[in-house]
Protein backbone atom coordinates (compact mmCIF):
# COMPACT_ATOMS: atom_id res chain seq x y z
CA MET A 1 8.61 -4.74 -47.77
CA LYS A 2 5.78 -7.14 -46.75
CA ASN A 3 8.09 -8.74 -43.66
CA ASN A 4 7.69 -5.60 -41.69
CA THR A 5 6.10 -6.16 -38.29
CA PHE A 6 4.73 -2.82 -38.02
CA ASP A 7 2.77 -2.62 -41.24
CA LYS A 8 -0.35 -4.43 -39.17
CA ALA A 9 -0.70 -0.67 -37.29
CA LYS A 10 -1.40 0.94 -40.55
CA GLU A 11 -4.42 -1.05 -41.09
CA PRO A 12 -7.71 0.03 -39.63
CA LYS A 13 -8.60 -0.64 -36.00
CA LYS A 14 -11.50 -3.09 -36.01
CA ASN A 15 -13.98 -2.77 -32.79
CA SER A 16 -13.79 -5.20 -30.57
CA LYS A 17 -16.87 -4.40 -28.47
CA LYS A 18 -18.48 -7.52 -27.94
CA TRP A 19 -22.50 -7.55 -27.99
CA TYR A 20 -22.62 -8.96 -24.69
CA ILE A 21 -20.48 -6.50 -22.78
CA ILE A 22 -22.22 -3.13 -21.90
CA ASN A 23 -19.48 -0.39 -20.58
CA GLY A 24 -20.44 1.62 -17.94
CA LYS A 25 -18.63 4.82 -16.06
CA ARG A 26 -16.17 2.65 -14.00
CA TYR A 27 -16.96 -0.96 -15.28
CA SER A 28 -17.63 -3.09 -18.15
CA TYR A 29 -20.65 -5.22 -17.43
CA TYR A 30 -21.78 -8.48 -18.81
CA VAL A 31 -25.51 -8.82 -19.60
CA TRP A 32 -25.76 -11.35 -17.23
CA ALA A 33 -24.46 -9.55 -14.45
CA LEU A 34 -26.81 -6.75 -14.75
CA PRO A 35 -29.03 -7.48 -11.95
CA LEU A 36 -26.12 -7.09 -10.07
CA VAL A 37 -25.14 -3.34 -10.96
CA PRO A 38 -27.06 -1.59 -8.59
CA PHE A 39 -25.19 -3.53 -5.50
CA VAL A 40 -21.60 -2.68 -7.14
CA THR A 41 -22.65 1.00 -7.21
CA LEU A 42 -23.70 0.79 -3.78
CA TYR A 43 -20.62 -0.91 -2.75
CA ASP A 44 -18.54 1.64 -4.47
CA VAL A 45 -20.06 4.81 -3.09
CA MET A 46 -19.92 2.87 0.69
CA SER A 47 -16.17 2.47 0.15
CA GLN A 48 -15.51 6.10 -0.95
CA ARG A 49 -17.10 7.41 2.15
CA ALA A 50 -15.33 5.22 4.44
CA ASP A 51 -12.21 6.26 2.57
CA LYS A 52 -12.99 9.95 3.34
CA ARG A 53 -13.55 9.33 7.04
CA ARG A 54 -10.06 7.63 7.44
CA VAL A 55 -7.75 10.69 8.40
CA TRP A 56 -3.76 10.69 9.60
CA SER A 57 -3.00 10.77 13.12
CA VAL A 58 0.32 10.32 14.57
CA GLU A 59 -1.56 8.08 17.70
CA ARG A 60 -3.09 5.69 15.17
CA ALA A 61 0.35 5.50 13.44
CA THR A 62 2.16 5.07 16.26
CA LYS A 63 -0.39 2.19 17.65
CA VAL A 64 -0.28 0.62 14.26
CA LEU A 65 3.68 1.00 14.04
CA ASN A 66 3.84 -0.61 17.61
CA HIS A 67 2.04 -3.65 16.47
CA VAL A 68 3.56 -4.42 13.38
CA LEU A 69 7.59 -3.62 13.59
CA PRO A 70 8.17 -6.42 15.82
CA LYS A 71 7.20 -8.25 12.64
CA VAL A 72 9.05 -6.50 10.50
CA LEU A 73 12.25 -5.56 12.28
CA GLU A 74 15.76 -7.26 11.42
CA TRP A 75 17.76 -8.15 14.57
CA VAL A 76 21.53 -7.68 14.33
CA GLU A 77 23.17 -9.74 16.72
CA GLU A 78 26.57 -7.81 16.14
CA ASP A 79 25.15 -4.68 17.07
CA LYS A 80 22.49 -5.55 19.40
CA ALA A 81 19.98 -3.58 17.51
CA TYR A 82 17.00 -3.81 15.43
CA TYR A 83 16.69 -2.10 11.92
CA TYR A 84 14.40 -1.36 9.47
CA CYS A 85 15.39 -0.41 5.79
CA MET A 86 13.40 2.47 4.18
CA ASP A 87 13.79 0.56 1.16
CA TRP A 88 11.63 -1.99 1.94
CA GLY A 89 8.16 -2.15 0.89
CA THR A 90 5.48 -0.78 2.38
CA SER A 91 3.15 -3.76 1.97
CA ASN A 92 4.73 -5.27 5.19
CA LEU A 93 3.06 -2.40 7.13
CA TRP A 94 -0.38 -2.53 6.52
CA ARG A 95 -0.39 -6.50 6.01
CA GLY A 96 0.95 -7.33 9.45
CA ALA A 97 -1.73 -4.57 11.04
CA LYS A 98 -4.74 -5.83 12.99
CA HIS A 99 -7.52 -6.47 11.00
CA SER A 100 -9.75 -3.06 12.18
CA ASP A 101 -6.55 -1.09 11.35
CA ARG A 102 -5.51 -2.71 7.88
CA LYS A 103 -7.33 -0.34 5.98
CA TRP A 104 -6.26 2.69 7.42
CA ALA A 105 -2.74 1.63 7.40
CA GLN A 106 -3.04 0.47 3.39
CA LYS A 107 -4.25 4.00 2.78
CA TRP A 108 -1.29 5.36 4.55
CA GLN A 109 1.38 3.25 4.13
CA TYR A 110 3.91 5.67 2.36
CA GLN A 111 3.25 8.26 5.34
CA LEU A 112 3.72 5.40 7.96
CA ARG A 113 6.86 4.36 6.42
CA ASP A 114 8.01 8.20 6.38
CA PHE A 115 6.82 8.13 10.28
CA ILE A 116 9.20 5.34 11.19
CA LYS A 117 12.13 7.71 10.08
CA GLU A 118 11.04 11.25 10.93
CA GLY A 119 8.54 11.13 13.97
CA TYR A 120 7.82 7.31 15.58
CA GLU A 121 9.34 7.26 18.87
CA ASN A 122 9.37 4.05 21.28
CA GLU A 123 9.76 4.72 24.81
CA HIS A 124 11.96 1.42 25.52
CA TYR A 125 14.71 2.14 22.41
CA SER A 126 16.37 4.74 20.84
CA LYS A 127 16.16 5.70 17.62
CA SER A 128 18.86 6.78 15.09
CA VAL A 129 19.12 6.93 11.50
CA GLU A 130 22.22 5.87 9.30
CA LYS A 131 22.85 5.86 5.64
CA ASP A 132 25.15 3.79 3.38
CA TYR A 133 26.09 4.05 0.24
CA TYR A 134 22.46 2.51 -1.07
CA ASP A 135 20.02 2.40 1.48
CA THR A 136 18.74 4.38 4.74
CA TRP A 137 18.33 2.41 7.76
CA VAL A 138 16.59 2.98 10.80
CA LYS A 139 18.23 1.96 13.73
CA PHE A 140 16.45 1.02 17.83
CA GLU A 141 18.67 0.27 20.51
CA GLU A 142 17.60 -0.95 23.61
CA ARG A 143 18.00 2.10 26.33
CA ALA A 144 19.81 1.15 29.36
């Protein structure tokens, strides 16, 4: 049975490592890029330290959502209300944030989405959660 496509899996694997690539702990480096390795390592260390300092706070989440939600919410004229679907992607929550809040929002994007449903309040709007057959919607109506 020579036409079997899985016969190639029986053959021993060849080493495909090239002589000009050096494998490190996290990355593989080309030989010509070796002078840049200390800078890449330093950048990794600094970004890990900065990431540890980014902690969740309700005040910052409210500040970020006050800036982002006007860009994301969907207006429904019939209900005179704004809607946010919990199944929408989370990238719109950090991409629409201010530049100073973007990394923080990217780290906490899933908690931000859940915070819209569970804890976020805006003084000008009343919030309610509605579930239909497929999706969960957060509805914001203007207070009278």
